[in-house]
PDB file of N, CA and C in Angstrom:
ATOM      1  N   MET A   1       0.804  -1.193   0.000  1.00  0.00           N
ATOM      2  CA  MET A   1       0.000   0.000   0.000  1.00  0.00           C
ATOM      3  C   MET A   1       0.856   1.270   0.000  1.00  0.00           C
ATOM      4  N   PRO A   2       1.986   1.309   0.735  1.00  0.00           N
ATOM      5  CA  PRO A   2       2.808   2.510   0.725  1.00  0.00           C
ATOM      6  C   PRO A   2       3.323   2.848  -0.670  1.00  0.00           C
ATOM      7  N   ARG A   3       3.574   1.833  -1.500  1.00  0.00           N
ATOM      8  CA  ARG A   3       4.042   2.089  -2.864  1.00  0.00           C
ATOM      9  C   ARG A   3       2.985   2.836  -3.675  1.00  0.00           C
ATOM     10  N   ILE A   4       1.736   2.439  -3.518  1.00  0.00           N
ATOM     11  CA  ILE A   4       0.647   3.083  -4.253  1.00  0.00           C
ATOM     12  C   ILE A   4       0.519   4.533  -3.810  1.00  0.00           C
ATOM     13  N   ALA A   5       0.583   4.762  -2.515  1.00  0.00           N
ATOM     14  CA  ALA A   5       0.483   6.127  -1.997  1.00  0.00           C
ATOM     15  C   ALA A   5       1.649   6.969  -2.503  1.00  0.00           C
ATOM     16  N   LEU A   6       2.849   6.414  -2.532  1.00  0.00           N
ATOM     17  CA  LEU A   6       4.023   7.123  -3.008  1.00  0.00           C
ATOM     18  C   LEU A   6       3.895   7.440  -4.501  1.00  0.00           C
ATOM     19  N   ALA A   7       3.410   6.486  -5.257  1.00  0.00           N
ATOM     20  CA  ALA A   7       3.217   6.697  -6.687  1.00  0.00           C
ATOM     21  C   ALA A   7       2.174   7.779  -6.938  1.00  0.00           C
ATOM     22  N   ALA A   8       1.095   7.755  -6.182  1.00  0.00           N
ATOM     23  CA  ALA A   8       0.059   8.776  -6.326  1.00  0.00           C
ATOM     24  C   ALA A   8       0.601  10.153  -5.974  1.00  0.00           C
ATOM     25  N   LEU A   9       1.400  10.245  -4.936  1.00  0.00           N
ATOM     26  CA  LEU A   9       1.996  11.512  -4.542  1.00  0.00           C
ATOM     27  C   LEU A   9       2.944  12.020  -5.629  1.00  0.00           C
ATOM     28  N   ALA A  10       3.756  11.140  -6.188  1.00  0.00           N
ATOM     29  CA  ALA A  10       4.674  11.528  -7.255  1.00  0.00           C
ATOM     30  C   ALA A  10       3.910  12.024  -8.472  1.00  0.00           C
ATOM     31  N   LEU A  11       2.852  11.344  -8.834  1.00  0.00           N
ATOM     32  CA  LEU A  11       2.023  11.774  -9.956  1.00  0.00           C
ATOM     33  C   LEU A  11       1.449  13.157  -9.698  1.00  0.00           C
ATOM     34  N   PHE A  12       0.973  13.383  -8.515  1.00  0.00           N
ATOM     35  CA  PHE A  12       0.391  14.665  -8.147  1.00  0.00           C
ATOM     36  C   PHE A  12       1.430  15.785  -8.220  1.00  0.00           C
ATOM     37  N   LEU A  13       2.629  15.511  -7.744  1.00  0.00           N
ATOM     38  CA  LEU A  13       3.657  16.541  -7.682  1.00  0.00           C
ATOM     39  C   LEU A  13       4.267  16.848  -9.051  1.00  0.00           C
ATOM     40  N   PHE A  14       4.394  15.848  -9.901  1.00  0.00           N
ATOM     41  CA  PHE A  14       5.085  16.039 -11.174  1.00  0.00           C
ATOM     42  C   PHE A  14       4.173  16.261 -12.366  1.00  0.00           C
ATOM     43  N   ALA A  15       2.905  16.008 -12.227  1.00  0.00           N
ATOM     44  CA  ALA A  15       1.981  16.203 -13.345  1.00  0.00           C
ATOM     45  C   ALA A  15       1.599  17.673 -13.421  1.00  0.00           C
ATOM     46  N   ALA A  16       1.745  18.235 -14.609  1.00  0.00           N
ATOM     47  CA  ALA A  16       1.347  19.635 -14.815  1.00  0.00           C
ATOM     48  C   ALA A  16      -0.125  19.678 -15.180  1.00  0.00           C
ATOM     49  N   PRO A  17      -0.803  20.737 -14.827  1.00  0.00           N
ATOM     50  CA  PRO A  17      -2.192  20.864 -15.249  1.00  0.00           C
ATOM     51  C   PRO A  17      -2.284  20.899 -16.771  1.00  0.00           C
ATOM     52  N   ALA A  18      -3.424  20.497 -17.310  1.00  0.00           N
ATOM     53  CA  ALA A  18      -3.597  20.426 -18.770  1.00  0.00           C
ATOM     54  C   ALA A  18      -3.306  21.760 -19.430  1.00  0.00           C
ATOM     55  N   SER A  19      -3.709  22.859 -18.842  1.00  0.00           N
ATOM     56  CA  SER A  19      -3.465  24.162 -19.447  1.00  0.00           C
ATOM     57  C   SER A  19      -1.971  24.458 -19.534  1.00  0.00           C
ATOM     58  N   ALA A  20      -1.197  24.023 -18.559  1.00  0.00           N
ATOM     59  CA  ALA A  20       0.245  24.265 -18.573  1.00  0.00           C
ATOM     60  C   ALA A  20       0.945  23.360 -19.575  1.00  0.00           C
ATOM     61  N   GLN A  21       0.417  22.184 -19.847  1.00  0.00           N
ATOM     62  CA  GLN A  21       1.048  21.270 -20.785  1.00  0.00           C
ATOM     63  C   GLN A  21       1.030  21.831 -22.200  1.00  0.00           C
ATOM     64  N   ASN A  22      -0.016  22.567 -22.573  1.00  0.00           N
ATOM     65  CA  ASN A  22      -0.114  23.111 -23.919  1.00  0.00           C
ATOM     66  C   ASN A  22       0.410  24.530 -24.016  1.00  0.00           C
ATOM     67  N   GLU A  23       0.726  25.153 -22.898  1.00  0.00           N
ATOM     68  CA  GLU A  23       1.182  26.530 -22.911  1.00  0.00           C
ATOM     69  C   GLU A  23       2.488  26.648 -23.683  1.00  0.00           C
ATOM     70  N   GLY A  24       2.543  27.650 -24.542  1.00  0.00           N
ATOM     71  CA  GLY A  24       3.764  27.890 -25.290  1.00  0.00           C
ATOM     72  C   GLY A  24       4.034  26.901 -26.388  1.00  0.00           C
ATOM     73  N   LYS A  25       3.037  26.177 -26.815  1.00  0.00           N
ATOM     74  CA  LYS A  25       3.266  25.137 -27.820  1.00  0.00           C
ATOM     75  C   LYS A  25       2.521  25.390 -29.143  1.00  0.00           C
ATOM     76  N   TRP A  26       1.834  26.538 -29.270  1.00  0.00           N
ATOM     77  CA  TRP A  26       1.098  26.838 -30.489  1.00  0.00           C
ATOM     78  C   TRP A  26       2.017  27.478 -31.522  1.00  0.00           C
ATOM     79  N   GLY A  27       1.805  27.116 -32.771  1.00  0.00           N
ATOM     80  CA  GLY A  27       2.527  27.725 -33.873  1.00  0.00           C
ATOM     81  C   GLY A  27       1.547  28.097 -34.960  1.00  0.00           C
ATOM     82  N   ALA A  28       1.976  28.970 -35.860  1.00  0.00           N
ATOM     83  CA  ALA A  28       1.132  29.367 -36.987  1.00  0.00           C
ATOM     84  C   ALA A  28       2.015  29.758 -38.163  1.00  0.00           C
ATOM     85  N   ILE A  29       1.465  29.586 -39.344  1.00  0.00           N
ATOM     86  CA  ILE A  29       2.104  30.047 -40.574  1.00  0.00           C
ATOM     87  C   ILE A  29       1.090  30.902 -41.307  1.00  0.00           C
ATOM     88  N   ALA A  30       1.491  32.111 -41.652  1.00  0.00           N
ATOM     89  CA  ALA A  30       0.679  32.985 -42.503  1.00  0.00           C
ATOM     90  C   ALA A  30       1.261  32.884 -43.908  1.00  0.00           C
ATOM     91  N   HIS A  31       0.401  32.833 -44.905  1.00  0.00           N
ATOM     92  CA  HIS A  31       0.892  32.670 -46.274  1.00  0.00           C
ATOM     93  C   HIS A  31      -0.142  33.192 -47.254  1.00  0.00           C
ATOM     94  N   GLY A  32       0.226  33.183 -48.534  1.00  0.00           N
ATOM     95  CA  GLY A  32      -0.701  33.568 -49.588  1.00  0.00           C
ATOM     96  C   GLY A  32      -0.509  35.003 -50.031  1.00  0.00           C
ATOM     97  N   GLY A  33      -1.363  35.408 -50.935  1.00  0.00           N
ATOM     98  CA  GLY A  33      -1.260  36.746 -51.492  1.00  0.00           C
ATOM     99  C   GLY A  33      -0.492  36.730 -52.794  1.00  0.00           C
ATOM    100  N   ALA A  34      -0.497  37.859 -53.464  1.00  0.00           N
ATOM    101  CA  ALA A  34       0.116  37.971 -54.791  1.00  0.00           C
ATOM    102  C   ALA A  34       1.619  37.696 -54.773  1.00  0.00           C
ATOM    103  N   GLU A  35       2.284  38.040 -53.691  1.00  0.00           N
ATOM    104  CA  GLU A  35       3.737  37.875 -53.610  1.00  0.00           C
ATOM    105  C   GLU A  35       4.174  36.504 -53.093  1.00  0.00           C
ATOM    106  N   ARG A  36       3.203  35.636 -52.755  1.00  0.00           N
ATOM    107  CA  ARG A  36       3.505  34.341 -52.131  1.00  0.00           C
ATOM    108  C   ARG A  36       4.351  34.546 -50.872  1.00  0.00           C
ATOM    109  N   ALA A  37       3.986  35.556 -50.115  1.00  0.00           N
ATOM    110  CA  ALA A  37       4.704  35.887 -48.887  1.00  0.00           C
ATOM    111  C   ALA A  37       4.365  34.877 -47.801  1.00  0.00           C
ATOM    112  N   SER A  38       5.187  34.861 -46.764  1.00  0.00           N
ATOM    113  CA  SER A  38       4.904  33.988 -45.626  1.00  0.00           C
ATOM    114  C   SER A  38       5.541  34.558 -44.364  1.00  0.00           C
ATOM    115  N   GLY A  39       5.008  34.128 -43.245  1.00  0.00           N
ATOM    116  CA  GLY A  39       5.557  34.482 -41.941  1.00  0.00           C
ATOM    117  C   GLY A  39       5.185  33.372 -40.977  1.00  0.00           C
ATOM    118  N   SER A  40       5.999  33.127 -39.989  1.00  0.00           N
ATOM    119  CA  SER A  40       5.691  32.056 -39.047  1.00  0.00           C
ATOM    120  C   SER A  40       5.934  32.519 -37.618  1.00  0.00           C
ATOM    121  N   ALA A  41       5.317  31.797 -36.707  1.00  0.00           N
ATOM    122  CA  ALA A  41       5.461  32.060 -35.278  1.00  0.00           C
ATOM    123  C   ALA A  41       5.352  30.734 -34.546  1.00  0.00           C
ATOM    124  N   VAL A  42       6.177  30.531 -33.544  1.00  0.00           N
ATOM    125  CA  VAL A  42       6.140  29.275 -32.783  1.00  0.00           C
ATOM    126  C   VAL A  42       6.217  29.532 -31.286  1.00  0.00           C
ATOM    127  N   ASP A  43       5.689  28.557 -30.556  1.00  0.00           N
ATOM    128  CA  ASP A  43       5.749  28.516 -29.099  1.00  0.00           C
ATOM    129  C   ASP A  43       5.002  29.666 -28.424  1.00  0.00           C
ATOM    130  N   TYR A  44       3.782  29.881 -28.873  1.00  0.00           N
ATOM    131  CA  TYR A  44       2.893  30.876 -28.271  1.00  0.00           C
ATOM    132  C   TYR A  44       1.889  30.186 -27.364  1.00  0.00           C
ATOM    133  N   PRO A  45       1.384  30.890 -26.357  1.00  0.00           N
ATOM    134  CA  PRO A  45       0.465  30.263 -25.409  1.00  0.00           C
ATOM    135  C   PRO A  45      -0.937  29.987 -25.959  1.00  0.00           C
ATOM    136  N   SER A  46      -1.317  30.628 -27.069  1.00  0.00           N
ATOM    137  CA  SER A  46      -2.654  30.380 -27.620  1.00  0.00           C
ATOM    138  C   SER A  46      -2.610  30.383 -29.138  1.00  0.00           C
ATOM    139  N   ARG A  47      -3.630  29.783 -29.714  1.00  0.00           N
ATOM    140  CA  ARG A  47      -3.777  29.721 -31.173  1.00  0.00           C
ATOM    141  C   ARG A  47      -3.832  31.133 -31.756  1.00  0.00           C
ATOM    142  N   GLU A  48      -4.649  31.980 -31.154  1.00  0.00           N
ATOM    143  CA  GLU A  48      -4.850  33.331 -31.686  1.00  0.00           C
ATOM    144  C   GLU A  48      -3.573  34.165 -31.611  1.00  0.00           C
ATOM    145  N   GLU A  49      -2.818  34.031 -30.522  1.00  0.00           N
ATOM    146  CA  GLU A  49      -1.556  34.769 -30.408  1.00  0.00           C
ATOM    147  C   GLU A  49      -0.557  34.314 -31.463  1.00  0.00           C
ATOM    148  N   ALA A  50      -0.515  33.021 -31.740  1.00  0.00           N
ATOM    149  CA  ALA A  50       0.376  32.505 -32.775  1.00  0.00           C
ATOM    150  C   ALA A  50      -0.040  33.021 -34.147  1.00  0.00           C
ATOM    151  N   ARG A  51      -1.347  33.015 -34.433  1.00  0.00           N
ATOM    152  CA  ARG A  51      -1.830  33.533 -35.724  1.00  0.00           C
ATOM    153  C   ARG A  51      -1.479  35.008 -35.901  1.00  0.00           C
ATOM    154  N   GLN A  52      -1.715  35.800 -34.856  1.00  0.00           N
ATOM    155  CA  GLN A  52      -1.414  37.227 -34.927  1.00  0.00           C
ATOM    156  C   GLN A  52       0.070  37.456 -35.169  1.00  0.00           C
ATOM    157  N   ALA A  53       0.920  36.720 -34.474  1.00  0.00           N
ATOM    158  CA  ALA A  53       2.369  36.867 -34.633  1.00  0.00           C
ATOM    159  C   ALA A  53       2.814  36.469 -36.046  1.00  0.00           C
ATOM    160  N   ALA A  54       2.224  35.413 -36.597  1.00  0.00           N
ATOM    161  CA  ALA A  54       2.568  34.991 -37.958  1.00  0.00           C
ATOM    162  C   ALA A  54       2.139  36.045 -38.976  1.00  0.00           C
ATOM    163  N   LEU A  55       0.956  36.608 -38.779  1.00  0.00           N
ATOM    164  CA  LEU A  55       0.497  37.675 -39.683  1.00  0.00           C
ATOM    165  C   LEU A  55       1.406  38.896 -39.596  1.00  0.00           C
ATOM    166  N   GLU A  56       1.826  39.246 -38.402  1.00  0.00           N
ATOM    167  CA  GLU A  56       2.755  40.373 -38.237  1.00  0.00           C
ATOM    168  C   GLU A  56       4.092  40.073 -38.897  1.00  0.00           C
ATOM    169  N   ALA A  57       4.571  38.829 -38.771  1.00  0.00           N
ATOM    170  CA  ALA A  57       5.835  38.439 -39.403  1.00  0.00           C
ATOM    171  C   ALA A  57       5.740  38.507 -40.917  1.00  0.00           C
ATOM    172  N   CYS A  58       4.547  38.385 -41.436  1.00  0.00           N
ATOM    173  CA  CYS A  58       4.332  38.442 -42.884  1.00  0.00           C
ATOM    174  C   CYS A  58       4.227  39.891 -43.372  1.00  0.00           C
ATOM    175  N   GLY A  59       4.114  40.817 -42.467  1.00  0.00           N
ATOM    176  CA  GLY A  59       4.087  42.225 -42.852  1.00  0.00           C
ATOM    177  C   GLY A  59       2.817  42.663 -43.554  1.00  0.00           C
ATOM    178  N   GLY A  60       1.708  42.003 -43.254  1.00  0.00           N
ATOM    179  CA  GLY A  60       0.436  42.399 -43.853  1.00  0.00           C
ATOM    180  C   GLY A  60       0.225  41.942 -45.283  1.00  0.00           C
ATOM    181  N   ARG A  61       1.103  41.110 -45.812  1.00  0.00           N
ATOM    182  CA  ARG A  61       0.985  40.654 -47.205  1.00  0.00           C
ATOM    183  C   ARG A  61       0.295  39.308 -47.345  1.00  0.00           C
ATOM    184  N   CYS A  62       0.038  38.613 -46.241  1.00  0.00           N
ATOM    185  CA  CYS A  62      -0.530  37.262 -46.288  1.00  0.00           C
ATOM    186  C   CYS A  62      -2.049  37.296 -46.208  1.00  0.00           C
ATOM    187  N   THR A  63      -2.673  36.336 -46.866  1.00  0.00           N
ATOM    188  CA  THR A  63      -4.130  36.269 -46.890  1.00  0.00           C
ATOM    189  C   THR A  63      -4.690  35.072 -46.128  1.00  0.00           C
ATOM    190  N   ARG A  64      -3.855  34.106 -45.780  1.00  0.00           N
ATOM    191  CA  ARG A  64      -4.327  32.896 -45.094  1.00  0.00           C
ATOM    192  C   ARG A  64      -3.407  32.555 -43.921  1.00  0.00           C
ATOM    193  N   THR A  65      -3.972  31.834 -42.952  1.00  0.00           N
ATOM    194  CA  THR A  65      -3.156  31.335 -41.848  1.00  0.00           C
ATOM    195  C   THR A  65      -3.558  29.903 -41.510  1.00  0.00           C
ATOM    196  N   ILE A  66      -2.608  29.175 -40.982  1.00  0.00           N
ATOM    197  CA  ILE A  66      -2.877  27.868 -40.385  1.00  0.00           C
ATOM    198  C   ILE A  66      -2.274  27.885 -38.989  1.00  0.00           C
ATOM    199  N   ALA A  67      -2.847  27.141 -38.082  1.00  0.00           N
ATOM    200  CA  ALA A  67      -2.306  27.044 -36.725  1.00  0.00           C
ATOM    201  C   ALA A  67      -2.124  25.572 -36.382  1.00  0.00           C
ATOM    202  N   PHE A  68      -1.157  25.294 -35.525  1.00  0.00           N
ATOM    203  CA  PHE A  68      -0.868  23.915 -35.158  1.00  0.00           C
ATOM    204  C   PHE A  68      -0.365  23.870 -33.725  1.00  0.00           C
ATOM    205  N   LEU A  69      -0.513  22.728 -33.104  1.00  0.00           N
ATOM    206  CA  LEU A  69      -0.184  22.563 -31.697  1.00  0.00           C
ATOM    207  C   LEU A  69       0.837  21.451 -31.510  1.00  0.00           C
ATOM    208  N   ARG A  70       1.968  21.755 -30.900  1.00  0.00           N
ATOM    209  CA  ARG A  70       3.002  20.788 -30.545  1.00  0.00           C
ATOM    210  C   ARG A  70       3.407  19.869 -31.691  1.00  0.00           C
ATOM    211  N   THR A  71       3.727  20.445 -32.837  1.00  0.00           N
ATOM    212  CA  THR A  71       4.127  19.664 -34.001  1.00  0.00           C
ATOM    213  C   THR A  71       4.852  20.561 -34.997  1.00  0.00           C
ATOM    214  N   CYS A  72       5.119  20.055 -36.187  1.00  0.00           N
ATOM    215  CA  CYS A  72       5.676  20.831 -37.289  1.00  0.00           C
ATOM    216  C   CYS A  72       4.596  20.987 -38.356  1.00  0.00           C
ATOM    217  N   ALA A  73       4.708  22.030 -39.138  1.00  0.00           N
ATOM    218  CA  ALA A  73       3.770  22.244 -40.244  1.00  0.00           C
ATOM    219  C   ALA A  73       4.528  22.844 -41.420  1.00  0.00           C
ATOM    220  N   ALA A  74       4.006  22.606 -42.615  1.00  0.00           N
ATOM    221  CA  ALA A  74       4.602  23.157 -43.831  1.00  0.00           C
ATOM    222  C   ALA A  74       3.491  23.571 -44.777  1.00  0.00           C
ATOM    223  N   VAL A  75       3.768  24.601 -45.568  1.00  0.00           N
ATOM    224  CA  VAL A  75       2.827  25.098 -46.576  1.00  0.00           C
ATOM    225  C   VAL A  75       3.523  25.072 -47.921  1.00  0.00           C
ATOM    226  N   ALA A  76       2.830  24.530 -48.927  1.00  0.00           N
ATOM    227  CA  ALA A  76       3.327  24.527 -50.304  1.00  0.00           C
ATOM    228  C   ALA A  76       2.353  25.316 -51.158  1.00  0.00           C
ATOM    229  N   GLU A  77       2.880  26.099 -52.080  1.00  0.00           N
ATOM    230  CA  GLU A  77       2.056  26.897 -53.002  1.00  0.00           C
ATOM    231  C   GLU A  77       2.651  26.849 -54.394  1.00  0.00           C
ATOM    232  N   SER A  78       1.789  27.087 -55.381  1.00  0.00           N
ATOM    233  CA  SER A  78       2.247  27.213 -56.758  1.00  0.00           C
ATOM    234  C   SER A  78       2.027  28.657 -57.203  1.00  0.00           C
ATOM    235  N   PRO A  79       2.708  29.082 -58.261  1.00  0.00           N
ATOM    236  CA  PRO A  79       2.501  30.439 -58.772  1.00  0.00           C
ATOM    237  C   PRO A  79       1.057  30.697 -59.216  1.00  0.00           C
ATOM    238  N   SER A  80       0.350  29.634 -59.592  1.00  0.00           N
ATOM    239  CA  SER A  80      -1.030  29.792 -60.049  1.00  0.00           C
ATOM    240  C   SER A  80      -2.038  29.868 -58.903  1.00  0.00           C
ATOM    241  N   GLY A  81      -1.572  29.712 -57.662  1.00  0.00           N
ATOM    242  CA  GLY A  81      -2.463  29.859 -56.512  1.00  0.00           C
ATOM    243  C   GLY A  81      -2.863  28.578 -55.815  1.00  0.00           C
ATOM    244  N   ALA A  82      -2.482  27.421 -56.338  1.00  0.00           N
ATOM    245  CA  ALA A  82      -2.771  26.174 -55.633  1.00  0.00           C
ATOM    246  C   ALA A  82      -1.969  26.158 -54.337  1.00  0.00           C
ATOM    247  N   ALA A  83      -2.582  25.632 -53.276  1.00  0.00           N
ATOM    248  CA  ALA A  83      -1.890  25.609 -51.986  1.00  0.00           C
ATOM    249  C   ALA A  83      -2.336  24.401 -51.178  1.00  0.00           C
ATOM    250  N   ALA A  84      -1.448  23.933 -50.329  1.00  0.00           N
ATOM    251  CA  ALA A  84      -1.755  22.831 -49.412  1.00  0.00           C
ATOM    252  C   ALA A  84      -0.844  22.972 -48.207  1.00  0.00           C
ATOM    253  N   TRP A  85      -1.303  22.391 -47.104  1.00  0.00           N
ATOM    254  CA  TRP A  85      -0.455  22.372 -45.913  1.00  0.00           C
ATOM    255  C   TRP A  85      -0.606  21.029 -45.226  1.00  0.00           C
ATOM    256  N   SER A  86       0.383  20.718 -44.422  1.00  0.00           N
ATOM    257  CA  SER A  86       0.362  19.464 -43.683  1.00  0.00           C
ATOM    258  C   SER A  86       1.106  19.658 -42.371  1.00  0.00           C
ATOM    259  N   SER A  87       0.768  18.827 -41.405  1.00  0.00           N
ATOM    260  CA  SER A  87       1.506  18.848 -40.141  1.00  0.00           C
ATOM    261  C   SER A  87       1.934  17.426 -39.801  1.00  0.00           C
ATOM    262  N   ASN A  88       3.035  17.354 -39.096  1.00  0.00           N
ATOM    263  CA  ASN A  88       3.569  16.065 -38.672  1.00  0.00           C
ATOM    264  C   ASN A  88       4.590  16.332 -37.580  1.00  0.00           C
ATOM    265  N   ARG A  89       4.822  15.366 -36.767  1.00  0.00           N
ATOM    266  CA  ARG A  89       5.819  15.502 -35.700  1.00  0.00           C
ATOM    267  C   ARG A  89       7.215  15.777 -36.272  1.00  0.00           C
ATOM    268  N   PHE A  90       7.459  15.259 -37.472  1.00  0.00           N
ATOM    269  CA  PHE A  90       8.756  15.418 -38.121  1.00  0.00           C
ATOM    270  C   PHE A  90       8.664  16.436 -39.254  1.00  0.00           C
ATOM    271  N   ARG A  91       9.582  17.400 -39.258  1.00  0.00           N
ATOM    272  CA  ARG A  91       9.567  18.478 -40.253  1.00  0.00           C
ATOM    273  C   ARG A  91       9.586  17.951 -41.685  1.00  0.00           C
ATOM    274  N   ASP A  92      10.476  17.023 -41.987  1.00  0.00           N
ATOM    275  CA  ASP A  92      10.604  16.527 -43.360  1.00  0.00           C
ATOM    276  C   ASP A  92       9.323  15.851 -43.839  1.00  0.00           C
ATOM    277  N   ARG A  93       8.625  15.161 -42.952  1.00  0.00           N
ATOM    278  CA  ARG A  93       7.356  14.530 -43.335  1.00  0.00           C
ATOM    279  C   ARG A  93       6.280  15.578 -43.584  1.00  0.00           C
ATOM    280  N   ALA A  94       6.242  16.623 -42.775  1.00  0.00           N
ATOM    281  CA  ALA A  94       5.268  17.695 -42.997  1.00  0.00           C
ATOM    282  C   ALA A  94       5.508  18.341 -44.361  1.00  0.00           C
ATOM    283  N   ILE A  95       6.769  18.589 -44.684  1.00  0.00           N
ATOM    284  CA  ILE A  95       7.108  19.187 -45.980  1.00  0.00           C
ATOM    285  C   ILE A  95       6.716  18.273 -47.128  1.00  0.00           C
ATOM    286  N   ALA A  96       7.074  16.999 -47.045  1.00  0.00           N
ATOM    287  CA  ALA A  96       6.761  16.045 -48.120  1.00  0.00           C
ATOM    288  C   ALA A  96       5.256  15.921 -48.334  1.00  0.00           C
ATOM    289  N   ARG A  97       4.499  15.872 -47.261  1.00  0.00           N
ATOM    290  CA  ARG A  97       3.046  15.733 -47.391  1.00  0.00           C
ATOM    291  C   ARG A  97       2.400  16.999 -47.953  1.00  0.00           C
ATOM    292  N   ALA A  98       2.901  18.160 -47.577  1.00  0.00           N
ATOM    293  CA  ALA A  98       2.358  19.405 -48.134  1.00  0.00           C
ATOM    294  C   ALA A  98       2.590  19.448 -49.636  1.00  0.00           C
ATOM    295  N   LEU A  99       3.791  19.061 -50.076  1.00  0.00           N
ATOM    296  CA  LEU A  99       4.082  19.029 -51.511  1.00  0.00           C
ATOM    297  C   LEU A  99       3.208  18.019 -52.231  1.00  0.00           C
ATOM    298  N   LYS A 100       3.007  16.855 -51.640  1.00  0.00           N
ATOM    299  CA  LYS A 100       2.193  15.811 -52.260  1.00  0.00           C
ATOM    300  C   LYS A 100       0.731  16.245 -52.384  1.00  0.00           C
ATOM    301  N   GLN A 101       0.223  16.947 -51.364  1.00  0.00           N
ATOM    302  CA  GLN A 101      -1.185  17.352 -51.360  1.00  0.00           C
ATOM    303  C   GLN A 101      -1.459  18.561 -52.252  1.00  0.00           C
ATOM    304  N   CYS A 102      -0.433  19.304 -52.593  1.00  0.00           N
ATOM    305  CA  CYS A 102      -0.627  20.475 -53.434  1.00  0.00           C
ATOM    306  C   CYS A 102      -1.062  20.002 -54.827  1.00  0.00           C
ATOM    307  N   ALA A 103      -2.083  20.618 -55.360  1.00  0.00           N
ATOM    308  CA  ALA A 103      -2.728  20.128 -56.584  1.00  0.00           C
ATOM    309  C   ALA A 103      -1.999  20.513 -57.861  1.00  0.00           C
ATOM    310  N   ASN A 104      -0.808  21.050 -57.744  1.00  0.00           N
ATOM    311  CA  ASN A 104      -0.118  21.523 -58.928  1.00  0.00           C
ATOM    312  C   ASN A 104       1.330  21.024 -58.898  1.00  0.00           C
ATOM    313  N   SER A 105       1.850  20.645 -60.047  1.00  0.00           N
ATOM    314  CA  SER A 105       3.198  20.072 -60.084  1.00  0.00           C
ATOM    315  C   SER A 105       4.290  21.107 -59.834  1.00  0.00           C
ATOM    316  N   ASP A 106       3.968  22.398 -59.988  1.00  0.00           N
ATOM    317  CA  ASP A 106       5.003  23.409 -59.747  1.00  0.00           C
ATOM    318  C   ASP A 106       4.907  24.021 -58.354  1.00  0.00           C
ATOM    319  N   CYS A 107       4.319  23.275 -57.416  1.00  0.00           N
ATOM    320  CA  CYS A 107       4.244  23.734 -56.027  1.00  0.00           C
ATOM    321  C   CYS A 107       5.631  23.694 -55.389  1.00  0.00           C
ATOM    322  N   ALA A 108       5.856  24.640 -54.525  1.00  0.00           N
ATOM    323  CA  ALA A 108       7.099  24.696 -53.762  1.00  0.00           C
ATOM    324  C   ALA A 108       6.759  25.050 -52.321  1.00  0.00           C
ATOM    325  N   VAL A 109       7.586  24.615 -51.417  1.00  0.00           N
ATOM    326  CA  VAL A 109       7.373  24.942 -50.011  1.00  0.00           C
ATOM    327  C   VAL A 109       7.686  26.419 -49.813  1.00  0.00           C
ATOM    328  N   VAL A 110       6.714  27.152 -49.255  1.00  0.00           N
ATOM    329  CA  VAL A 110       6.926  28.570 -48.991  1.00  0.00           C
ATOM    330  C   VAL A 110       7.241  28.824 -47.528  1.00  0.00           C
ATOM    331  N   ALA A 111       6.869  27.893 -46.656  1.00  0.00           N
ATOM    332  CA  ALA A 111       7.168  28.066 -45.232  1.00  0.00           C
ATOM    333  C   ALA A 111       7.024  26.746 -44.493  1.00  0.00           C
ATOM    334  N   TRP A 112       7.799  26.618 -43.438  1.00  0.00           N
ATOM    335  CA  TRP A 112       7.637  25.509 -42.490  1.00  0.00           C
ATOM    336  C   TRP A 112       8.039  26.041 -41.119  1.00  0.00           C
ATOM    337  N   ALA A 113       7.499  25.409 -40.095  1.00  0.00           N
ATOM    338  CA  ALA A 113       7.831  25.799 -38.733  1.00  0.00           C
ATOM    339  C   ALA A 113       7.544  24.624 -37.803  1.00  0.00           C
ATOM    340  N   CYS A 114       8.257  24.582 -36.686  1.00  0.00           N
ATOM    341  CA  CYS A 114       8.066  23.543 -35.682  1.00  0.00           C
ATOM    342  C   CYS A 114       8.007  24.158 -34.296  1.00  0.00           C
ATOM    343  N   THR A 115       7.045  23.726 -33.520  1.00  0.00           N
ATOM    344  CA  THR A 115       6.977  24.142 -32.127  1.00  0.00           C
ATOM    345  C   THR A 115       7.754  23.150 -31.280  1.00  0.00           C
ATOM    346  N   ARG A 116       7.924  23.478 -30.000  1.00  0.00           N
ATOM    347  CA  ARG A 116       8.474  22.481 -29.072  1.00  0.00           C
ATOM    348  C   ARG A 116       7.384  21.433 -28.883  1.00  0.00           C
ATOM    349  N   HIS A 117       7.750  20.171 -28.928  1.00  0.00           N
ATOM    350  CA  HIS A 117       6.751  19.116 -28.725  1.00  0.00           C
ATOM    351  C   HIS A 117       7.322  17.907 -28.074  1.00  0.00           C
TER     352      HIS A 117
END
C-alpha cells in the first residue's frame, strides 16, 4: 500500500495541469497573397496569439493562416495559386506531405515551422 500512496503523490507533484502542458506550444504560418509571402510564429500560449504573430511576421501581405499545436507544419504553393499544408511531428514529413497534397506540379514549399513538442 505505501508504494501506491508514493506513486500517487509523485504523480500529483510532477503532473502539470492540462493548461500548462499546452502553454507555449502553439505555432502558426501565414501565407498567400500575390507575392507568395509567408511568416511564421512558434511557441505561443494560444492559437490566436500565434496567428497574430505569424500575420505580423508576414508584414500584412498574407491572406491565409494555419495554426498547429506541438508539431511541425509546412505550406506549399504554386505560382497559379494552388496551396496545401500538412503537419507532422517530423519536419521533413510535414514538408513532403504538403508538396504531395498540393494540386499543382510546380508547387514549392513557402514556409515551415516547428513548435516544441
